[in-house]
Amino acid sequence: MKYNITKVPALLVSPDAKYYQNLNTAWAEVGTIAPDGWYIFRSTEVMGIYKNLLTGQIVNPQAK
């Protein structure tokens, strides 16, 4: 996998995001920037239910 995405839904943001200072400031808390400049959202669990691609498990972080 090019960006080592292990959870979906995934979000990729164009390298043009570098022009948005507020996004760049916040991005360190939710994702990474790949060597080719693409922004990869890594905090899928904050969006709610997601699928772990490594285990195949559907995860609901809100479930108790």
C-alpha atoms as a PDB file:
ATOM      1  CA  MET A   1       0.000   0.000   0.000  1.00  0.00           C
ATOM      2  CA  LYS A   2       1.444   3.294  -1.058  1.00  0.00           C
ATOM      3  CA  TYR A   3       0.479   5.279   2.045  1.00  0.00           C
ATOM      4  CA  ASN A   4       0.206   2.381   4.516  1.00  0.00           C
ATOM      5  CA  ILE A   5      -3.495   3.018   5.083  1.00  0.00           C
ATOM      6  CA  THR A   6      -4.759   0.555   7.677  1.00  0.00           C
ATOM      7  CA  LYS A   7      -8.241   1.970   8.397  1.00  0.00           C
ATOM      8  CA  VAL A   8     -11.124   3.085   6.191  1.00  0.00           C
ATOM      9  CA  PRO A   9     -12.803   5.337   5.388  1.00  0.00           C
ATOM     10  CA  ALA A  10      -9.568   7.020   4.380  1.00  0.00           C
ATOM     11  CA  LEU A  11      -9.063  10.631   3.448  1.00  0.00           C
ATOM     12  CA  LEU A  12      -6.309  11.867   1.149  1.00  0.00           C
ATOM     13  CA  VAL A  13      -5.844  15.589   0.620  1.00  0.00           C
ATOM     14  CA  SER A  14      -3.938  17.092  -2.276  1.00  0.00           C
ATOM     15  CA  PRO A  15      -0.489  18.594  -1.758  1.00  0.00           C
ATOM     16  CA  ASP A  16      -2.176  21.944  -2.484  1.00  0.00           C
ATOM     17  CA  ALA A  17      -3.333  21.842   1.148  1.00  0.00           C
ATOM     18  CA  LYS A  18       0.056  23.344   2.002  1.00  0.00           C
ATOM     19  CA  TYR A  19      -1.443  26.726   1.085  1.00  0.00           C
ATOM     20  CA  TYR A  20      -3.930  26.569   3.985  1.00  0.00           C
ATOM     21  CA  GLN A  21      -2.068  27.517   7.141  1.00  0.00           C
ATOM     22  CA  ASN A  22      -4.873  26.578   9.545  1.00  0.00           C
ATOM     23  CA  LEU A  23      -5.102  23.118   8.022  1.00  0.00           C
ATOM     24  CA  ASN A  24      -1.363  22.647   8.304  1.00  0.00           C
ATOM     25  CA  THR A  25      -1.436  23.667  11.963  1.00  0.00           C
ATOM     26  CA  ALA A  26      -4.181  21.163  12.805  1.00  0.00           C
ATOM     27  CA  TRP A  27      -3.009  18.337  10.544  1.00  0.00           C
ATOM     28  CA  ALA A  28      -0.257  17.142  12.882  1.00  0.00           C
ATOM     29  CA  GLU A  29      -2.980  16.043  15.313  1.00  0.00           C
ATOM     30  CA  VAL A  30      -4.950  13.951  12.824  1.00  0.00           C
ATOM     31  CA  GLY A  31      -2.632  12.810  10.082  1.00  0.00           C
ATOM     32  CA  THR A  32       0.669  12.757   8.304  1.00  0.00           C
ATOM     33  CA  ILE A  33       2.165  14.264   5.180  1.00  0.00           C
ATOM     34  CA  ALA A  34       3.698  11.752   2.776  1.00  0.00           C
ATOM     35  CA  PRO A  35       7.068  12.393   1.100  1.00  0.00           C
ATOM     36  CA  ASP A  36       5.207  13.189  -2.142  1.00  0.00           C
ATOM     37  CA  GLY A  37       3.237  15.935  -0.354  1.00  0.00           C
ATOM     38  CA  TRP A  38      -0.135  14.175  -0.015  1.00  0.00           C
ATOM     39  CA  TYR A  39      -1.914  14.628   3.328  1.00  0.00           C
ATOM     40  CA  ILE A  40      -3.134  11.331   4.808  1.00  0.00           C
ATOM     41  CA  PHE A  41      -5.795  11.437   7.508  1.00  0.00           C
ATOM     42  CA  ARG A  42      -4.838   8.816  10.137  1.00  0.00           C
ATOM     43  CA  SER A  43      -7.295   9.441  13.003  1.00  0.00           C
ATOM     44  CA  THR A  44     -10.191   7.564  11.438  1.00  0.00           C
ATOM     45  CA  GLU A  45     -11.575   6.644  14.857  1.00  0.00           C
ATOM     46  CA  VAL A  46     -12.595  10.259  15.523  1.00  0.00           C
ATOM     47  CA  MET A  47     -15.018  10.000  12.602  1.00  0.00           C
ATOM     48  CA  GLY A  48     -16.895   7.101  14.222  1.00  0.00           C
ATOM     49  CA  ILE A  49     -17.245   3.563  12.888  1.00  0.00           C
ATOM     50  CA  TYR A  50     -14.377   2.365  10.712  1.00  0.00           C
ATOM     51  CA  LYS A  51     -12.892  -0.842   9.316  1.00  0.00           C
ATOM     52  CA  ASN A  52      -9.465  -2.069  10.356  1.00  0.00           C
ATOM     53  CA  LEU A  53      -7.938  -3.353   7.128  1.00  0.00           C
ATOM     54  CA  LEU A  54      -5.343  -5.436   8.964  1.00  0.00           C
ATOM     55  CA  THR A  55      -7.892  -7.474  10.919  1.00  0.00           C
ATOM     56  CA  GLY A  56     -11.009  -7.031   8.778  1.00  0.00           C
ATOM     57  CA  GLN A  57     -12.876  -5.948  11.920  1.00  0.00           C
ATOM     58  CA  ILE A  58     -15.514  -3.200  11.927  1.00  0.00           C
ATOM     59  CA  VAL A  59     -14.740  -0.969  14.913  1.00  0.00           C
ATOM     60  CA  ASN A  60     -17.139   1.335  16.717  1.00  0.00           C
ATOM     61  CA  PRO A  61     -15.123   3.488  19.144  1.00  0.00           C
ATOM     62  CA  GLN A  62     -18.361   4.851  20.630  1.00  0.00           C
ATOM     63  CA  ALA A  63     -19.676   1.398  21.628  1.00  0.00           C
ATOM     64  CA  LYS A  64     -19.435   0.585  25.274  1.00  0.00           C
END
